Amino acid sequence: MNGALKAAWGLTAFVVLAGLVLWLVTGEAVFAVFIVLGLLTGVGAWLTGRTAPKGDRTP
């Protein structure tokens, strides 16, 4: 796992946790957007951070 991928996972965790905590503390459902955006960041990190299978790599 490279540094950029680690940063993306860290950002994902931070945004999701911040959204969850703020939603619970304030009761404002608008913070659900933080959770959705954090999950989308995680999906993007997972899709772009994968390496190609061994047979598909070019020498």
N, C-alpha and C. Protein backbone atom coordinates (compact mmCIF):
# COMPACT_ATOMS: atom_id res chain seq x y z
N MET A 1 0.86 -1.17 0.00
CA MET A 1 0.00 0.00 0.00
C MET A 1 0.91 1.23 0.00
N ASN A 2 0.68 2.13 -0.94
CA ASN A 2 1.53 3.31 -1.04
C ASN A 2 1.00 4.45 -0.16
N GLY A 3 1.75 5.53 -0.09
CA GLY A 3 1.39 6.65 0.78
C GLY A 3 0.09 7.33 0.40
N ALA A 4 -0.15 7.46 -0.90
CA ALA A 4 -1.38 8.11 -1.34
C ALA A 4 -2.61 7.28 -0.96
N LEU A 5 -2.49 5.98 -1.07
CA LEU A 5 -3.61 5.12 -0.71
C LEU A 5 -3.85 5.14 0.79
N LYS A 6 -2.78 5.17 1.58
CA LYS A 6 -2.93 5.28 3.03
C LYS A 6 -3.60 6.60 3.40
N ALA A 7 -3.22 7.66 2.73
CA ALA A 7 -3.84 8.97 2.99
C ALA A 7 -5.32 8.96 2.64
N ALA A 8 -5.67 8.31 1.54
CA ALA A 8 -7.08 8.23 1.14
C ALA A 8 -7.89 7.45 2.17
N TRP A 9 -7.34 6.35 2.68
CA TRP A 9 -8.05 5.59 3.71
C TRP A 9 -8.15 6.38 5.00
N GLY A 10 -7.12 7.13 5.35
CA GLY A 10 -7.16 7.98 6.54
C GLY A 10 -8.21 9.07 6.40
N LEU A 11 -8.26 9.69 5.23
CA LEU A 11 -9.27 10.71 4.96
C LEU A 11 -10.67 10.12 5.03
N THR A 12 -10.83 8.94 4.48
CA THR A 12 -12.13 8.26 4.51
C THR A 12 -12.58 8.05 5.94
N ALA A 13 -11.70 7.49 6.76
CA ALA A 13 -12.05 7.22 8.16
C ALA A 13 -12.38 8.51 8.90
N PHE A 14 -11.58 9.55 8.68
CA PHE A 14 -11.81 10.82 9.36
C PHE A 14 -13.16 11.43 8.99
N VAL A 15 -13.46 11.47 7.70
CA VAL A 15 -14.69 12.10 7.24
C VAL A 15 -15.92 11.32 7.72
N VAL A 16 -15.86 10.00 7.65
CA VAL A 16 -16.99 9.19 8.11
C VAL A 16 -17.19 9.36 9.61
N LEU A 17 -16.12 9.28 10.38
CA LEU A 17 -16.25 9.44 11.83
C LEU A 17 -16.71 10.84 12.22
N ALA A 18 -16.17 11.85 11.55
CA ALA A 18 -16.59 13.22 11.84
C ALA A 18 -18.08 13.40 11.52
N GLY A 19 -18.52 12.87 10.39
CA GLY A 19 -19.93 12.97 10.04
C GLY A 19 -20.82 12.26 11.04
N LEU A 20 -20.40 11.07 11.46
CA LEU A 20 -21.19 10.31 12.42
C LEU A 20 -21.27 11.02 13.77
N VAL A 21 -20.13 11.49 14.26
CA VAL A 21 -20.10 12.19 15.55
C VAL A 21 -20.92 13.47 15.49
N LEU A 22 -20.72 14.26 14.45
CA LEU A 22 -21.48 15.51 14.34
C LEU A 22 -22.97 15.27 14.19
N TRP A 23 -23.35 14.23 13.47
CA TRP A 23 -24.77 13.89 13.31
C TRP A 23 -25.37 13.50 14.66
N LEU A 24 -24.65 12.68 15.42
CA LEU A 24 -25.14 12.25 16.72
C LEU A 24 -25.19 13.40 17.73
N VAL A 25 -24.19 14.28 17.71
CA VAL A 25 -24.12 15.38 18.68
C VAL A 25 -25.14 16.46 18.37
N THR A 26 -25.26 16.83 17.11
CA THR A 26 -26.14 17.94 16.76
C THR A 26 -27.55 17.49 16.40
N GLY A 27 -27.70 16.26 15.94
CA GLY A 27 -29.01 15.79 15.51
C GLY A 27 -29.39 16.27 14.12
N GLU A 28 -28.46 16.94 13.45
CA GLU A 28 -28.72 17.45 12.10
C GLU A 28 -28.40 16.37 11.07
N ALA A 29 -29.38 15.99 10.29
CA ALA A 29 -29.19 14.93 9.31
C ALA A 29 -28.29 15.34 8.14
N VAL A 30 -28.00 16.63 8.03
CA VAL A 30 -27.14 17.10 6.94
C VAL A 30 -25.75 16.47 7.04
N PHE A 31 -25.34 16.05 8.23
CA PHE A 31 -24.02 15.45 8.39
C PHE A 31 -23.95 14.04 7.81
N ALA A 32 -25.07 13.49 7.39
CA ALA A 32 -25.06 12.21 6.68
C ALA A 32 -24.32 12.36 5.35
N VAL A 33 -24.26 13.57 4.83
CA VAL A 33 -23.52 13.82 3.59
C VAL A 33 -22.04 13.51 3.80
N PHE A 34 -21.51 13.82 4.98
CA PHE A 34 -20.11 13.50 5.29
C PHE A 34 -19.89 12.00 5.18
N ILE A 35 -20.83 11.23 5.71
CA ILE A 35 -20.69 9.77 5.69
C ILE A 35 -20.71 9.27 4.25
N VAL A 36 -21.62 9.78 3.46
CA VAL A 36 -21.72 9.36 2.05
C VAL A 36 -20.45 9.74 1.29
N LEU A 37 -19.98 10.96 1.48
CA LEU A 37 -18.76 11.39 0.78
C LEU A 37 -17.54 10.59 1.23
N GLY A 38 -17.47 10.27 2.50
CA GLY A 38 -16.38 9.45 3.00
C GLY A 38 -16.40 8.07 2.39
N LEU A 39 -17.58 7.48 2.29
CA LEU A 39 -17.69 6.15 1.69
C LEU A 39 -17.33 6.20 0.20
N LEU A 40 -17.74 7.25 -0.49
CA LEU A 40 -17.37 7.39 -1.90
C LEU A 40 -15.86 7.54 -2.06
N THR A 41 -15.22 8.24 -1.13
CA THR A 41 -13.77 8.37 -1.15
C THR A 41 -13.12 7.01 -0.98
N GLY A 42 -13.65 6.20 -0.08
CA GLY A 42 -13.13 4.85 0.15
C GLY A 42 -13.28 3.96 -1.07
N VAL A 43 -14.43 4.05 -1.72
CA VAL A 43 -14.65 3.26 -2.94
C VAL A 43 -13.68 3.69 -4.03
N GLY A 44 -13.48 5.00 -4.16
CA GLY A 44 -12.53 5.50 -5.16
C GLY A 44 -11.11 5.05 -4.86
N ALA A 45 -10.73 5.06 -3.58
CA ALA A 45 -9.39 4.60 -3.20
C ALA A 45 -9.24 3.12 -3.49
N TRP A 46 -10.26 2.36 -3.22
CA TRP A 46 -10.18 0.92 -3.47
C TRP A 46 -10.09 0.63 -4.97
N LEU A 47 -10.89 1.33 -5.78
CA LEU A 47 -10.89 1.08 -7.22
C LEU A 47 -9.58 1.52 -7.88
N THR A 48 -9.05 2.64 -7.48
CA THR A 48 -7.85 3.15 -8.14
C THR A 48 -6.57 2.63 -7.51
N GLY A 49 -6.64 2.09 -6.31
CA GLY A 49 -5.44 1.64 -5.63
C GLY A 49 -5.09 0.19 -5.87
N ARG A 50 -5.93 -0.53 -6.60
CA ARG A 50 -5.65 -1.94 -6.86
C ARG A 50 -4.54 -2.08 -7.88
N THR A 51 -3.76 -3.13 -7.77
CA THR A 51 -2.74 -3.39 -8.77
C THR A 51 -3.29 -4.41 -9.77
N ALA A 52 -2.73 -4.39 -10.95
CA ALA A 52 -3.18 -5.31 -11.99
C ALA A 52 -2.76 -6.74 -11.63
N PRO A 53 -3.55 -7.72 -12.03
CA PRO A 53 -3.15 -9.12 -11.80
C PRO A 53 -1.79 -9.41 -12.43
N LYS A 54 -1.09 -10.38 -11.92
CA LYS A 54 0.28 -10.66 -12.36
C LYS A 54 0.39 -10.87 -13.87
N GLY A 55 -0.56 -11.54 -14.48
CA GLY A 55 -0.49 -11.82 -15.91
C GLY A 55 -0.72 -10.59 -16.78
N ASP A 56 -1.37 -9.53 -16.22
CA ASP A 56 -1.70 -8.35 -17.01
C ASP A 56 -0.65 -7.26 -16.94
N ARG A 57 0.39 -7.46 -16.15
CA ARG A 57 1.42 -6.43 -16.01
C ARG A 57 2.34 -6.44 -17.22
N THR A 58 2.71 -5.26 -17.66
CA THR A 58 3.67 -5.16 -18.76
C THR A 58 5.07 -5.10 -18.19
N PRO A 59 6.03 -5.75 -18.83
CA PRO A 59 7.41 -5.77 -18.31
C PRO A 59 8.10 -4.42 -18.42
